[in-house]
Amino acid sequence: MYGVLRSVAAAGSAACALLLGLSSAPAGSGAVAVVAPRPPRAAEDVRGGGDGTLITRLRTPPTGTSIASPAHDTLFACKGGTLTRPDRPWIDAHGVIDVLKRPFVSGTMHWHKYLKVTTTATGRRFQGNGLPDRSTGRFPVRKGTPAYKYYAEIPAHGYPNAAAIPIKSWNLDVTVPRDPSVRAQPTCIDQLTTGMALAGGTFHLEVATDAEDRPVDPNAALPLDRCWGHPYDAQYHYHGPSQTCFGSKSSRASGHSPLVGYAIDGFGIFGPRGEDGKVVRNRDLDVCHGHTHVIMWDGRKTVMYHYHLNGEYPYSVGCFRGKPVTVPGSGHGWH
């Protein structure tokens, strides 16, 4: 029977990065308010954000899916292995995750954020305090809430269990290529951080492990907050189609989704809609979960490779088409 997920004991793992709006808050800022919790309403919690796109079903891989080589409907982890589908009440026999049945980490916390993004002829540098510019669920996860038991089962280095992990500021400083190029062969993912979100926080590798060190899809195994995020080693990051909280709630859901972040190889990460305004399927993307067509890049229309978020595993970056950089403080392996 599926039991718990194991947290990798790695100090300072995982970068949690960026926020579009600039702030004068110092890098050491933290939470400014904790609002009394309210019962989560599913339809509200998964409402579309920057492009109005609502995704309430995720497709998680079956047991035995390899993550040792680039392929559709999976990811390419340098550590290798095969996935096991966890036994959870929100997953049906076909591997479909019903997001409306999965508990959310309840409560509301607000944050002081700081971000500075600078560009040179060759690089794009992100400097900040790693805090999101949107409210998050309340971490540490509180006893008695629907999400608590799933986190309390997980060992966590330096904490009684994963439910006790808070969100904290940290020193983000990473530079990615400004105009990356596609390499002949995909590169495997060897660190937890796969990209930086412009709304704040980072994107993480879509792999966690259970009590027997078997790799699993974290979206299938764990509740997340209303913005598809949670902390690891106190650094906030996203899983799944996390564009739900990016941008304006009033944005019109038509046309290609906007840019929501940058992968650590420098290529853009966009929301789930393609050129025709429809949500992209994995069959529309390559083995790294991206494709090439005209996009807006630094204010100009450019034919360029880019990644997409969607509702089919690996949901985000599955391997790197460009040359990835190392993110200081990002752990290796998986959660």
Foldseek 3Di string as FASTA:
>chain_A
DFDAFEFDPDALADFWDAAQDADPDDLQWWWDDWDPWDADQLCVLQAAFAQRDGDFKFAFDAWFAKQCFFDFLFFNAVVIATAHQDDDPQADPRRIGGNSPAFAQITKIATDWHWDWDDDPWKIKIWIFQFFRGIFHFPLRDPPGPQVVRFCRYPAPPDNTRSRAAAGTHTFIAMATQAFDFDPGWAHDWFQFFWYFNRGTTAGFQWTAGPVRHIYGCVSRGHYHSQQWDDHSNRIHHAAQSSRHDNHSPHHQFAFFDFGTATQNNATEGEQADGGSDGDDSVVAGSQQWDWDWDQRPNDTDTDIHHYADRGPVRTGRTHRGDGDDTPSHGTDYD
